Amino acid sequence: RFVIKAQIHAGGRGKAGGVKLAHTVEEVRA
């Protein structure tokens, strides 16, 4: 499993869709 986290200078990313969980490499890509 992977966590994809948008890198910006601001908090609140998780609630805004900037942190996603992926189970495959293809999900990481998407």
mmCIF file of all heavy atoms, coordinates in Angstrom:
data_MODEL
# 
_entry.id   MODEL 
# 
loop_
_atom_site.group_PDB 
_atom_site.id 
_atom_site.type_symbol 
_atom_site.label_atom_id 
_atom_site.label_alt_id 
_atom_site.label_comp_id 
_atom_site.label_asym_id 
_atom_site.label_entity_id 
_atom_site.label_seq_id 
_atom_site.pdbx_PDB_ins_code 
_atom_site.Cartn_x 
_atom_site.Cartn_y 
_atom_site.Cartn_z 
_atom_site.occupancy 
_atom_site.B_iso_or_equiv 
_atom_site.pdbx_formal_charge 
_atom_site.auth_seq_id 
_atom_site.auth_comp_id 
_atom_site.auth_asym_id 
_atom_site.auth_atom_id 
_atom_site.pdbx_PDB_model_num 
ATOM 1   N N   . ARG A 1 1  ? 0.841   -1.195 0.000   1.00 0.00 ? 1  ARG A N   1 
ATOM 2   C CA  . ARG A 1 1  ? 0.000   0.000  0.000   1.00 0.00 ? 1  ARG A CA  1 
ATOM 3   C C   . ARG A 1 1  ? 0.876   1.245  0.000   1.00 0.00 ? 1  ARG A C   1 
ATOM 4   O O   . ARG A 1 1  ? 1.992   1.233  0.531   1.00 0.00 ? 1  ARG A O   1 
ATOM 5   C CB  . ARG A 1 1  ? -0.928  0.039  1.221   1.00 0.00 ? 1  ARG A CB  1 
ATOM 6   C CG  . ARG A 1 1  ? -2.005  -1.027 1.231   1.00 0.00 ? 1  ARG A CG  1 
ATOM 7   C CD  . ARG A 1 1  ? -2.856  -0.892 2.476   1.00 0.00 ? 1  ARG A CD  1 
ATOM 8   N NE  . ARG A 1 1  ? -2.028  -0.999 3.682   1.00 0.00 ? 1  ARG A NE  1 
ATOM 9   C CZ  . ARG A 1 1  ? -2.317  -0.420 4.846   1.00 0.00 ? 1  ARG A CZ  1 
ATOM 10  N NH1 . ARG A 1 1  ? -3.405  0.337  4.954   1.00 0.00 ? 1  ARG A NH1 1 
ATOM 11  N NH2 . ARG A 1 1  ? -1.537  -0.577 5.890   1.00 0.00 ? 1  ARG A NH2 1 
ATOM 12  N N   . PHE A 1 2  ? 0.351   2.301  -0.605  1.00 0.00 ? 2  PHE A N   1 
ATOM 13  C CA  . PHE A 1 2  ? 1.117   3.537  -0.737  1.00 0.00 ? 2  PHE A CA  1 
ATOM 14  C C   . PHE A 1 2  ? 0.264   4.727  -0.305  1.00 0.00 ? 2  PHE A C   1 
ATOM 15  O O   . PHE A 1 2  ? -0.965  4.698  -0.409  1.00 0.00 ? 2  PHE A O   1 
ATOM 16  C CB  . PHE A 1 2  ? 1.565   3.758  -2.185  1.00 0.00 ? 2  PHE A CB  1 
ATOM 17  C CG  . PHE A 1 2  ? 2.267   2.593  -2.805  1.00 0.00 ? 2  PHE A CG  1 
ATOM 18  C CD1 . PHE A 1 2  ? 1.553   1.608  -3.492  1.00 0.00 ? 2  PHE A CD1 1 
ATOM 19  C CD2 . PHE A 1 2  ? 3.641   2.460  -2.716  1.00 0.00 ? 2  PHE A CD2 1 
ATOM 20  C CE1 . PHE A 1 2  ? 2.185   0.537  -4.068  1.00 0.00 ? 2  PHE A CE1 1 
ATOM 21  C CE2 . PHE A 1 2  ? 4.297   1.380  -3.292  1.00 0.00 ? 2  PHE A CE2 1 
ATOM 22  C CZ  . PHE A 1 2  ? 3.564   0.412  -3.967  1.00 0.00 ? 2  PHE A CZ  1 
ATOM 23  N N   . VAL A 1 3  ? 0.942   5.777  0.145   1.00 0.00 ? 3  VAL A N   1 
ATOM 24  C CA  . VAL A 1 3  ? 0.274   7.047  0.417   1.00 0.00 ? 3  VAL A CA  1 
ATOM 25  C C   . VAL A 1 3  ? 0.842   8.079  -0.545  1.00 0.00 ? 3  VAL A C   1 
ATOM 26  O O   . VAL A 1 3  ? 2.071   8.210  -0.674  1.00 0.00 ? 3  VAL A O   1 
ATOM 27  C CB  . VAL A 1 3  ? 0.496   7.509  1.869   1.00 0.00 ? 3  VAL A CB  1 
ATOM 28  C CG1 . VAL A 1 3  ? -0.190  8.853  2.098   1.00 0.00 ? 3  VAL A CG1 1 
ATOM 29  C CG2 . VAL A 1 3  ? -0.042  6.479  2.843   1.00 0.00 ? 3  VAL A CG2 1 
ATOM 30  N N   . ILE A 1 4  ? -0.035  8.793  -1.242  1.00 0.00 ? 4  ILE A N   1 
ATOM 31  C CA  . ILE A 1 4  ? 0.367   9.839  -2.173  1.00 0.00 ? 4  ILE A CA  1 
ATOM 32  C C   . ILE A 1 4  ? -0.045  11.175 -1.563  1.00 0.00 ? 4  ILE A C   1 
ATOM 33  O O   . ILE A 1 4  ? -1.231  11.402 -1.296  1.00 0.00 ? 4  ILE A O   1 
ATOM 34  C CB  . ILE A 1 4  ? -0.289  9.665  -3.561  1.00 0.00 ? 4  ILE A CB  1 
ATOM 35  C CG1 . ILE A 1 4  ? 0.063   8.296  -4.135  1.00 0.00 ? 4  ILE A CG1 1 
ATOM 36  C CG2 . ILE A 1 4  ? 0.165   10.768 -4.511  1.00 0.00 ? 4  ILE A CG2 1 
ATOM 37  C CD1 . ILE A 1 4  ? -0.952  7.218  -3.798  1.00 0.00 ? 4  ILE A CD1 1 
ATOM 38  N N   . LYS A 1 5  ? 0.932   12.068 -1.341  1.00 0.00 ? 5  LYS A N   1 
ATOM 39  C CA  . LYS A 1 5  ? 0.679   13.314 -0.612  1.00 0.00 ? 5  LYS A CA  1 
ATOM 40  C C   . LYS A 1 5  ? 1.119   14.513 -1.449  1.00 0.00 ? 5  LYS A C   1 
ATOM 41  O O   . LYS A 1 5  ? 2.291   14.638 -1.810  1.00 0.00 ? 5  LYS A O   1 
ATOM 42  C CB  . LYS A 1 5  ? 1.430   13.300 0.725   1.00 0.00 ? 5  LYS A CB  1 
ATOM 43  C CG  . LYS A 1 5  ? 1.170   12.036 1.536   1.00 0.00 ? 5  LYS A CG  1 
ATOM 44  C CD  . LYS A 1 5  ? 1.979   11.977 2.807   1.00 0.00 ? 5  LYS A CD  1 
ATOM 45  C CE  . LYS A 1 5  ? 1.353   12.807 3.899   1.00 0.00 ? 5  LYS A CE  1 
ATOM 46  N NZ  . LYS A 1 5  ? 2.061   12.620 5.198   1.00 0.00 ? 5  LYS A NZ  1 
ATOM 47  N N   . ALA A 1 6  ? 0.176   15.374 -1.779  1.00 0.00 ? 6  ALA A N   1 
ATOM 48  C CA  . ALA A 1 6  ? 0.494   16.607 -2.512  1.00 0.00 ? 6  ALA A CA  1 
ATOM 49  C C   . ALA A 1 6  ? 1.429   17.471 -1.667  1.00 0.00 ? 6  ALA A C   1 
ATOM 50  O O   . ALA A 1 6  ? 1.232   17.626 -0.462  1.00 0.00 ? 6  ALA A O   1 
ATOM 51  C CB  . ALA A 1 6  ? -0.784  17.368 -2.833  1.00 0.00 ? 6  ALA A CB  1 
ATOM 52  N N   . GLN A 1 7  ? 2.441   18.045 -2.305  1.00 0.00 ? 7  GLN A N   1 
ATOM 53  C CA  . GLN A 1 7  ? 3.420   18.866 -1.598  1.00 0.00 ? 7  GLN A CA  1 
ATOM 54  C C   . GLN A 1 7  ? 3.177   20.345 -1.898  1.00 0.00 ? 7  GLN A C   1 
ATOM 55  O O   . GLN A 1 7  ? 3.534   20.854 -2.961  1.00 0.00 ? 7  GLN A O   1 
ATOM 56  C CB  . GLN A 1 7  ? 4.833   18.454 -1.999  1.00 0.00 ? 7  GLN A CB  1 
ATOM 57  C CG  . GLN A 1 7  ? 5.181   17.019 -1.642  1.00 0.00 ? 7  GLN A CG  1 
ATOM 58  C CD  . GLN A 1 7  ? 5.162   16.771 -0.152  1.00 0.00 ? 7  GLN A CD  1 
ATOM 59  O OE1 . GLN A 1 7  ? 6.067   17.174 0.572   1.00 0.00 ? 7  GLN A OE1 1 
ATOM 60  N NE2 . GLN A 1 7  ? 4.120   16.099 0.331   1.00 0.00 ? 7  GLN A NE2 1 
ATOM 61  N N   . ILE A 1 8  ? 2.536   21.013 -0.943  1.00 0.00 ? 8  ILE A N   1 
ATOM 62  C CA  . ILE A 1 8  ? 2.322   22.454 -1.019  1.00 0.00 ? 8  ILE A CA  1 
ATOM 63  C C   . ILE A 1 8  ? 2.581   23.042 0.360   1.00 0.00 ? 8  ILE A C   1 
ATOM 64  O O   . ILE A 1 8  ? 2.569   22.321 1.358   1.00 0.00 ? 8  ILE A O   1 
ATOM 65  C CB  . ILE A 1 8  ? 0.890   22.821 -1.478  1.00 0.00 ? 8  ILE A CB  1 
ATOM 66  C CG1 . ILE A 1 8  ? -0.154  22.249 -0.502  1.00 0.00 ? 8  ILE A CG1 1 
ATOM 67  C CG2 . ILE A 1 8  ? 0.629   22.337 -2.902  1.00 0.00 ? 8  ILE A CG2 1 
ATOM 68  C CD1 . ILE A 1 8  ? -1.566  22.728 -0.761  1.00 0.00 ? 8  ILE A CD1 1 
ATOM 69  N N   . HIS A 1 9  ? 2.810   24.349 0.412   1.00 0.00 ? 9  HIS A N   1 
ATOM 70  C CA  . HIS A 1 9  ? 3.028   25.018 1.689   1.00 0.00 ? 9  HIS A CA  1 
ATOM 71  C C   . HIS A 1 9  ? 1.690   25.423 2.303   1.00 0.00 ? 9  HIS A C   1 
ATOM 72  O O   . HIS A 1 9  ? 1.347   26.593 2.405   1.00 0.00 ? 9  HIS A O   1 
ATOM 73  C CB  . HIS A 1 9  ? 3.910   26.251 1.504   1.00 0.00 ? 9  HIS A CB  1 
ATOM 74  C CG  . HIS A 1 9  ? 5.342   25.927 1.222   1.00 0.00 ? 9  HIS A CG  1 
ATOM 75  N ND1 . HIS A 1 9  ? 6.295   26.895 1.012   1.00 0.00 ? 9  HIS A ND1 1 
ATOM 76  C CD2 . HIS A 1 9  ? 5.998   24.741 1.127   1.00 0.00 ? 9  HIS A CD2 1 
ATOM 77  C CE1 . HIS A 1 9  ? 7.471   26.315 0.784   1.00 0.00 ? 9  HIS A CE1 1 
ATOM 78  N NE2 . HIS A 1 9  ? 7.301   25.008 0.848   1.00 0.00 ? 9  HIS A NE2 1 
ATOM 79  N N   . ALA A 1 10 ? 0.918   24.437 2.707   1.00 0.00 ? 10 ALA A N   1 
ATOM 80  C CA  . ALA A 1 10 ? -0.374  24.699 3.346   1.00 0.00 ? 10 ALA A CA  1 
ATOM 81  C C   . ALA A 1 10 ? -0.839  23.431 4.025   1.00 0.00 ? 10 ALA A C   1 
ATOM 82  O O   . ALA A 1 10 ? -0.562  22.312 3.556   1.00 0.00 ? 10 ALA A O   1 
ATOM 83  C CB  . ALA A 1 10 ? -1.415  25.173 2.333   1.00 0.00 ? 10 ALA A CB  1 
ATOM 84  N N   . GLY A 1 11 ? -1.543  23.601 5.136   1.00 0.00 ? 11 GLY A N   1 
ATOM 85  C CA  . GLY A 1 11 ? -2.112  22.464 5.833   1.00 0.00 ? 11 GLY A CA  1 
ATOM 86  C C   . GLY A 1 11 ? -3.510  22.156 5.330   1.00 0.00 ? 11 GLY A C   1 
ATOM 87  O O   . GLY A 1 11 ? -4.029  22.796 4.418   1.00 0.00 ? 11 GLY A O   1 
ATOM 88  N N   . GLY A 1 12 ? -4.122  21.148 5.929   1.00 0.00 ? 12 GLY A N   1 
ATOM 89  C CA  . GLY A 1 12 ? -5.469  20.761 5.546   1.00 0.00 ? 12 GLY A CA  1 
ATOM 90  C C   . GLY A 1 12 ? -5.540  19.943 4.280   1.00 0.00 ? 12 GLY A C   1 
ATOM 91  O O   . GLY A 1 12 ? -6.613  19.818 3.673   1.00 0.00 ? 12 GLY A O   1 
ATOM 92  N N   . ARG A 1 13 ? -4.412  19.346 3.878   1.00 0.00 ? 13 ARG A N   1 
ATOM 93  C CA  . ARG A 1 13 ? -4.403  18.592 2.616   1.00 0.00 ? 13 ARG A CA  1 
ATOM 94  C C   . ARG A 1 13 ? -5.289  17.361 2.669   1.00 0.00 ? 13 ARG A C   1 
ATOM 95  O O   . ARG A 1 13 ? -5.943  17.008 1.690   1.00 0.00 ? 13 ARG A O   1 
ATOM 96  C CB  . ARG A 1 13 ? -2.970  18.185 2.268   1.00 0.00 ? 13 ARG A CB  1 
ATOM 97  C CG  . ARG A 1 13 ? -2.033  19.326 1.966   1.00 0.00 ? 13 ARG A CG  1 
ATOM 98  C CD  . ARG A 1 13 ? -0.596  18.818 1.848   1.00 0.00 ? 13 ARG A CD  1 
ATOM 99  N NE  . ARG A 1 13 ? -0.157  18.204 3.107   1.00 0.00 ? 13 ARG A NE  1 
ATOM 100 C CZ  . ARG A 1 13 ? 0.937   17.455 3.231   1.00 0.00 ? 13 ARG A CZ  1 
ATOM 101 N NH1 . ARG A 1 13 ? 1.689   17.208 2.168   1.00 0.00 ? 13 ARG A NH1 1 
ATOM 102 N NH2 . ARG A 1 13 ? 1.279   16.954 4.398   1.00 0.00 ? 13 ARG A NH2 1 
ATOM 103 N N   . GLY A 1 14 ? -5.289  16.688 3.831   1.00 0.00 ? 14 GLY A N   1 
ATOM 104 C CA  . GLY A 1 14 ? -6.048  15.448 3.932   1.00 0.00 ? 14 GLY A CA  1 
ATOM 105 C C   . GLY A 1 14 ? -7.525  15.640 3.689   1.00 0.00 ? 14 GLY A C   1 
ATOM 106 O O   . GLY A 1 14 ? -8.160  14.859 2.969   1.00 0.00 ? 14 GLY A O   1 
ATOM 107 N N   . LYS A 1 15 ? -8.085  16.704 4.266   1.00 0.00 ? 15 LYS A N   1 
ATOM 108 C CA  . LYS A 1 15 ? -9.519  16.966 4.096   1.00 0.00 ? 15 LYS A CA  1 
ATOM 109 C C   . LYS A 1 15 ? -9.853  17.481 2.705   1.00 0.00 ? 15 LYS A C   1 
ATOM 110 O O   . LYS A 1 15 ? -11.024 17.472 2.303   1.00 0.00 ? 15 LYS A O   1 
ATOM 111 C CB  . LYS A 1 15 ? -9.983  17.977 5.139   1.00 0.00 ? 15 LYS A CB  1 
ATOM 112 C CG  . LYS A 1 15 ? -9.999  17.448 6.566   1.00 0.00 ? 15 LYS A CG  1 
ATOM 113 C CD  . LYS A 1 15 ? -10.565 18.484 7.517   1.00 0.00 ? 15 LYS A CD  1 
ATOM 114 C CE  . LYS A 1 15 ? -10.681 17.941 8.931   1.00 0.00 ? 15 LYS A CE  1 
ATOM 115 N NZ  . LYS A 1 15 ? -11.258 18.936 9.863   1.00 0.00 ? 15 LYS A NZ  1 
ATOM 116 N N   . ALA A 1 16 ? -8.830  17.954 1.970   1.00 0.00 ? 16 ALA A N   1 
ATOM 117 C CA  . ALA A 1 16 ? -9.070  18.554 0.654   1.00 0.00 ? 16 ALA A CA  1 
ATOM 118 C C   . ALA A 1 16 ? -8.753  17.612 -0.501  1.00 0.00 ? 16 ALA A C   1 
ATOM 119 O O   . ALA A 1 16 ? -8.779  18.026 -1.662  1.00 0.00 ? 16 ALA A O   1 
ATOM 120 C CB  . ALA A 1 16 ? -8.238  19.834 0.520   1.00 0.00 ? 16 ALA A CB  1 
ATOM 121 N N   . GLY A 1 17 ? -8.454  16.357 -0.204  1.00 0.00 ? 17 GLY A N   1 
ATOM 122 C CA  . GLY A 1 17 ? -8.145  15.405 -1.269  1.00 0.00 ? 17 GLY A CA  1 
ATOM 123 C C   . GLY A 1 17 ? -6.697  15.397 -1.684  1.00 0.00 ? 17 GLY A C   1 
ATOM 124 O O   . GLY A 1 17 ? -6.351  14.814 -2.724  1.00 0.00 ? 17 GLY A O   1 
ATOM 125 N N   . GLY A 1 18 ? -5.833  16.017 -0.873  1.00 0.00 ? 18 GLY A N   1 
ATOM 126 C CA  . GLY A 1 18 ? -4.415  16.057 -1.210  1.00 0.00 ? 18 GLY A CA  1 
ATOM 127 C C   . GLY A 1 18 ? -3.602  14.913 -0.645  1.00 0.00 ? 18 GLY A C   1 
ATOM 128 O O   . GLY A 1 18 ? -2.379  14.876 -0.806  1.00 0.00 ? 18 GLY A O   1 
ATOM 129 N N   . VAL A 1 19 ? -4.266  13.981 0.017   1.00 0.00 ? 19 VAL A N   1 
ATOM 130 C CA  . VAL A 1 19 ? -3.618  12.772 0.533   1.00 0.00 ? 19 VAL A CA  1 
ATOM 131 C C   . VAL A 1 19 ? -4.486  11.586 0.146   1.00 0.00 ? 19 VAL A C   1 
ATOM 132 O O   . VAL A 1 19 ? -5.666  11.522 0.509   1.00 0.00 ? 19 VAL A O   1 
ATOM 133 C CB  . VAL A 1 19 ? -3.446  12.827 2.069   1.00 0.00 ? 19 VAL A CB  1 
ATOM 134 C CG1 . VAL A 1 19 ? -2.801  11.530 2.567   1.00 0.00 ? 19 VAL A CG1 1 
ATOM 135 C CG2 . VAL A 1 19 ? -2.613  14.029 2.481   1.00 0.00 ? 19 VAL A CG2 1 
ATOM 136 N N   . LYS A 1 20 ? -3.913  10.651 -0.616  1.00 0.00 ? 20 LYS A N   1 
ATOM 137 C CA  . LYS A 1 20 ? -4.685  9.509  -1.104  1.00 0.00 ? 20 LYS A CA  1 
ATOM 138 C C   . LYS A 1 20 ? -3.955  8.200  -0.813  1.00 0.00 ? 20 LYS A C   1 
ATOM 139 O O   . LYS A 1 20 ? -2.718  8.152  -0.789  1.00 0.00 ? 20 LYS A O   1 
ATOM 140 C CB  . LYS A 1 20 ? -4.936  9.636  -2.609  1.00 0.00 ? 20 LYS A CB  1 
ATOM 141 C CG  . LYS A 1 20 ? -5.837  10.818 -2.992  1.00 0.00 ? 20 LYS A CG  1 
ATOM 142 C CD  . LYS A 1 20 ? -6.122  10.838 -4.474  1.00 0.00 ? 20 LYS A CD  1 
ATOM 143 C CE  . LYS A 1 20 ? -7.016  12.022 -4.848  1.00 0.00 ? 20 LYS A CE  1 
ATOM 144 N NZ  . LYS A 1 20 ? -8.366  11.885 -4.265  1.00 0.00 ? 20 LYS A NZ  1 
ATOM 145 N N   . LEU A 1 21 ? -4.733  7.160  -0.617  1.00 0.00 ? 21 LEU A N   1 
ATOM 146 C CA  . LEU A 1 21 ? -4.196  5.821  -0.383  1.00 0.00 ? 21 LEU A CA  1 
ATOM 147 C C   . LEU A 1 21 ? -4.316  5.004  -1.663  1.00 0.00 ? 21 LEU A C   1 
ATOM 148 O O   . LEU A 1 21 ? -5.334  5.065  -2.346  1.00 0.00 ? 21 LEU A O   1 
ATOM 149 C CB  . LEU A 1 21 ? -4.977  5.140  0.743   1.00 0.00 ? 21 LEU A CB  1 
ATOM 150 C CG  . LEU A 1 21 ? -4.493  3.758  1.187   1.00 0.00 ? 21 LEU A CG  1 
ATOM 151 C CD1 . LEU A 1 21 ? -3.108  3.855  1.818   1.00 0.00 ? 21 LEU A CD1 1 
ATOM 152 C CD2 . LEU A 1 21 ? -5.496  3.138  2.166   1.00 0.00 ? 21 LEU A CD2 1 
ATOM 153 N N   . ALA A 1 22 ? -3.261  4.261  -1.986  1.00 0.00 ? 22 ALA A N   1 
ATOM 154 C CA  . ALA A 1 22 ? -3.267  3.429  -3.191  1.00 0.00 ? 22 ALA A CA  1 
ATOM 155 C C   . ALA A 1 22 ? -2.795  2.019  -2.839  1.00 0.00 ? 22 ALA A C   1 
ATOM 156 O O   . ALA A 1 22 ? -1.918  1.846  -1.986  1.00 0.00 ? 22 ALA A O   1 
ATOM 157 C CB  . ALA A 1 22 ? -2.364  4.031  -4.265  1.00 0.00 ? 22 ALA A CB  1 
ATOM 158 N N   . HIS A 1 23 ? -3.384  1.030  -3.499  1.00 0.00 ? 23 HIS A N   1 
ATOM 159 C CA  . HIS A 1 23 ? -3.028  -0.363 -3.234  1.00 0.00 ? 23 HIS A CA  1 
ATOM 160 C C   . HIS A 1 23 ? -2.165  -0.962 -4.331  1.00 0.00 ? 23 HIS A C   1 
ATOM 161 O O   . HIS A 1 23 ? -1.585  -2.040 -4.145  1.00 0.00 ? 23 HIS A O   1 
ATOM 162 C CB  . HIS A 1 23 ? -4.293  -1.212 -3.061  1.00 0.00 ? 23 HIS A CB  1 
ATOM 163 C CG  . HIS A 1 23 ? -5.107  -0.840 -1.865  1.00 0.00 ? 23 HIS A CG  1 
ATOM 164 N ND1 . HIS A 1 23 ? -6.005  0.208  -1.869  1.00 0.00 ? 23 HIS A ND1 1 
ATOM 165 C CD2 . HIS A 1 23 ? -5.143  -1.370 -0.603  1.00 0.00 ? 23 HIS A CD2 1 
ATOM 166 C CE1 . HIS A 1 23 ? -6.574  0.309  -0.677  1.00 0.00 ? 23 HIS A CE1 1 
ATOM 167 N NE2 . HIS A 1 23 ? -6.066  -0.626 0.110   1.00 0.00 ? 23 HIS A NE2 1 
ATOM 168 N N   . THR A 1 24 ? -2.088  -0.298 -5.468  1.00 0.00 ? 24 THR A N   1 
ATOM 169 C CA  . THR A 1 24 ? -1.285  -0.791 -6.580  1.00 0.00 ? 24 THR A CA  1 
ATOM 170 C C   . THR A 1 24 ? -0.513  0.358  -7.207  1.00 0.00 ? 24 THR A C   1 
ATOM 171 O O   . THR A 1 24 ? -0.824  1.538  -6.977  1.00 0.00 ? 24 THR A O   1 
ATOM 172 C CB  . THR A 1 24 ? -2.179  -1.431 -7.664  1.00 0.00 ? 24 THR A CB  1 
ATOM 173 O OG1 . THR A 1 24 ? -2.993  -0.401 -8.259  1.00 0.00 ? 24 THR A OG1 1 
ATOM 174 C CG2 . THR A 1 24 ? -3.064  -2.528 -7.075  1.00 0.00 ? 24 THR A CG2 1 
ATOM 175 N N   . VAL A 1 25 ? 0.456   -0.001 -8.019  1.00 0.00 ? 25 VAL A N   1 
ATOM 176 C CA  . VAL A 1 25 ? 1.236   1.007  -8.730  1.00 0.00 ? 25 VAL A CA  1 
ATOM 177 C C   . VAL A 1 25 ? 0.351   1.793  -9.685  1.00 0.00 ? 25 VAL A C   1 
ATOM 178 O O   . VAL A 1 25 ? 0.515   3.008  -9.854  1.00 0.00 ? 25 VAL A O   1 
ATOM 179 C CB  . VAL A 1 25 ? 2.408   0.340  -9.489  1.00 0.00 ? 25 VAL A CB  1 
ATOM 180 C CG1 . VAL A 1 25 ? 3.115   1.358  -10.379 1.00 0.00 ? 25 VAL A CG1 1 
ATOM 181 C CG2 . VAL A 1 25 ? 3.400   -0.273 -8.506  1.00 0.00 ? 25 VAL A CG2 1 
ATOM 182 N N   . GLU A 1 26 ? -0.618  1.130  -10.289 1.00 0.00 ? 26 GLU A N   1 
ATOM 183 C CA  . GLU A 1 26 ? -1.526  1.824  -11.200 1.00 0.00 ? 26 GLU A CA  1 
ATOM 184 C C   . GLU A 1 26 ? -2.392  2.838  -10.461 1.00 0.00 ? 26 GLU A C   1 
ATOM 185 O O   . GLU A 1 26 ? -2.702  3.912  -10.991 1.00 0.00 ? 26 GLU A O   1 
ATOM 186 C CB  . GLU A 1 26 ? -2.395  0.822  -11.957 1.00 0.00 ? 26 GLU A CB  1 
ATOM 187 C CG  . GLU A 1 26 ? -1.657  0.068  -13.052 1.00 0.00 ? 26 GLU A CG  1 
ATOM 188 C CD  . GLU A 1 26 ? -0.946  1.015  -14.014 1.00 0.00 ? 26 GLU A CD  1 
ATOM 189 O OE1 . GLU A 1 26 ? -1.606  1.960  -14.516 1.00 0.00 ? 26 GLU A OE1 1 
ATOM 190 O OE2 . GLU A 1 26 ? 0.259   0.831  -14.245 1.00 0.00 ? 26 GLU A OE2 1 
ATOM 191 N N   . GLU A 1 27 ? -2.776  2.518  -9.234  1.00 0.00 ? 27 GLU A N   1 
ATOM 192 C CA  . GLU A 1 27 ? -3.526  3.483  -8.435  1.00 0.00 ? 27 GLU A CA  1 
ATOM 193 C C   . GLU A 1 27 ? -2.644  4.671  -8.055  1.00 0.00 ? 27 GLU A C   1 
ATOM 194 O O   . GLU A 1 27 ? -3.120  5.802  -7.961  1.00 0.00 ? 27 GLU A O   1 
ATOM 195 C CB  . GLU A 1 27 ? -4.093  2.805  -7.184  1.00 0.00 ? 27 GLU A CB  1 
ATOM 196 C CG  . GLU A 1 27 ? -5.234  1.852  -7.473  1.00 0.00 ? 27 GLU A CG  1 
ATOM 197 C CD  . GLU A 1 27 ? -5.820  1.242  -6.214  1.00 0.00 ? 27 GLU A CD  1 
ATOM 198 O OE1 . GLU A 1 27 ? -5.411  1.650  -5.098  1.00 0.00 ? 27 GLU A OE1 1 
ATOM 199 O OE2 . GLU A 1 27 ? -6.688  0.356  -6.330  1.00 0.00 ? 27 GLU A OE2 1 
ATOM 200 N N   . VAL A 1 28 ? -1.350  4.414  -7.833  1.00 0.00 ? 28 VAL A N   1 
ATOM 201 C CA  . VAL A 1 28 ? -0.401  5.504  -7.597  1.00 0.00 ? 28 VAL A CA  1 
ATOM 202 C C   . VAL A 1 28 ? -0.338  6.409  -8.814  1.00 0.00 ? 28 VAL A C   1 
ATOM 203 O O   . VAL A 1 28 ? -0.351  7.640  -8.702  1.00 0.00 ? 28 VAL A O   1 
ATOM 204 C CB  . VAL A 1 28 ? 1.003   4.947  -7.271  1.00 0.00 ? 28 VAL A CB  1 
ATOM 205 C CG1 . VAL A 1 28 ? 2.040   6.073  -7.252  1.00 0.00 ? 28 VAL A CG1 1 
ATOM 206 C CG2 . VAL A 1 28 ? 0.998   4.210  -5.942  1.00 0.00 ? 28 VAL A CG2 1 
ATOM 207 N N   . ARG A 1 29 ? -0.283  5.798  -9.985  1.00 0.00 ? 29 ARG A N   1 
ATOM 208 C CA  . ARG A 1 29 ? -0.248  6.560  -11.226 1.00 0.00 ? 29 ARG A CA  1 
ATOM 209 C C   . ARG A 1 29 ? -1.484  7.458  -11.347 1.00 0.00 ? 29 ARG A C   1 
ATOM 210 O O   . ARG A 1 29 ? -1.381  8.653  -11.639 1.00 0.00 ? 29 ARG A O   1 
ATOM 211 C CB  . ARG A 1 29 ? -0.171  5.612  -12.429 1.00 0.00 ? 29 ARG A CB  1 
ATOM 212 C CG  . ARG A 1 29 ? -0.125  6.330  -13.784 1.00 0.00 ? 29 ARG A CG  1 
ATOM 213 C CD  . ARG A 1 29 ? -0.362  5.349  -14.936 1.00 0.00 ? 29 ARG A CD  1 
ATOM 214 N NE  . ARG A 1 29 ? 0.668   4.328  -14.982 1.00 0.00 ? 29 ARG A NE  1 
ATOM 215 C CZ  . ARG A 1 29 ? 1.833   4.476  -15.605 1.00 0.00 ? 29 ARG A CZ  1 
ATOM 216 N NH1 . ARG A 1 29 ? 2.114   5.623  -16.229 1.00 0.00 ? 29 ARG A NH1 1 
ATOM 217 N NH2 . ARG A 1 29 ? 2.718   3.493  -15.606 1.00 0.00 ? 29 ARG A NH2 1 
ATOM 218 N N   . ALA A 1 30 ? -2.653  6.882  -11.114 1.00 0.00 ? 30 ALA A N   1 
ATOM 219 C CA  . ALA A 1 30 ? -3.903  7.633  -11.268 1.00 0.00 ? 30 ALA A CA  1 
ATOM 220 C C   . ALA A 1 30 ? -3.999  8.763  -10.245 1.00 0.00 ? 30 ALA A C   1 
ATOM 221 O O   . ALA A 1 30 ? -4.390  9.892  -10.577 1.00 0.00 ? 30 ALA A O   1 
ATOM 222 C CB  . ALA A 1 30 ? -5.091  6.682  -11.132 1.00 0.00 ? 30 ALA A CB  1 
# 
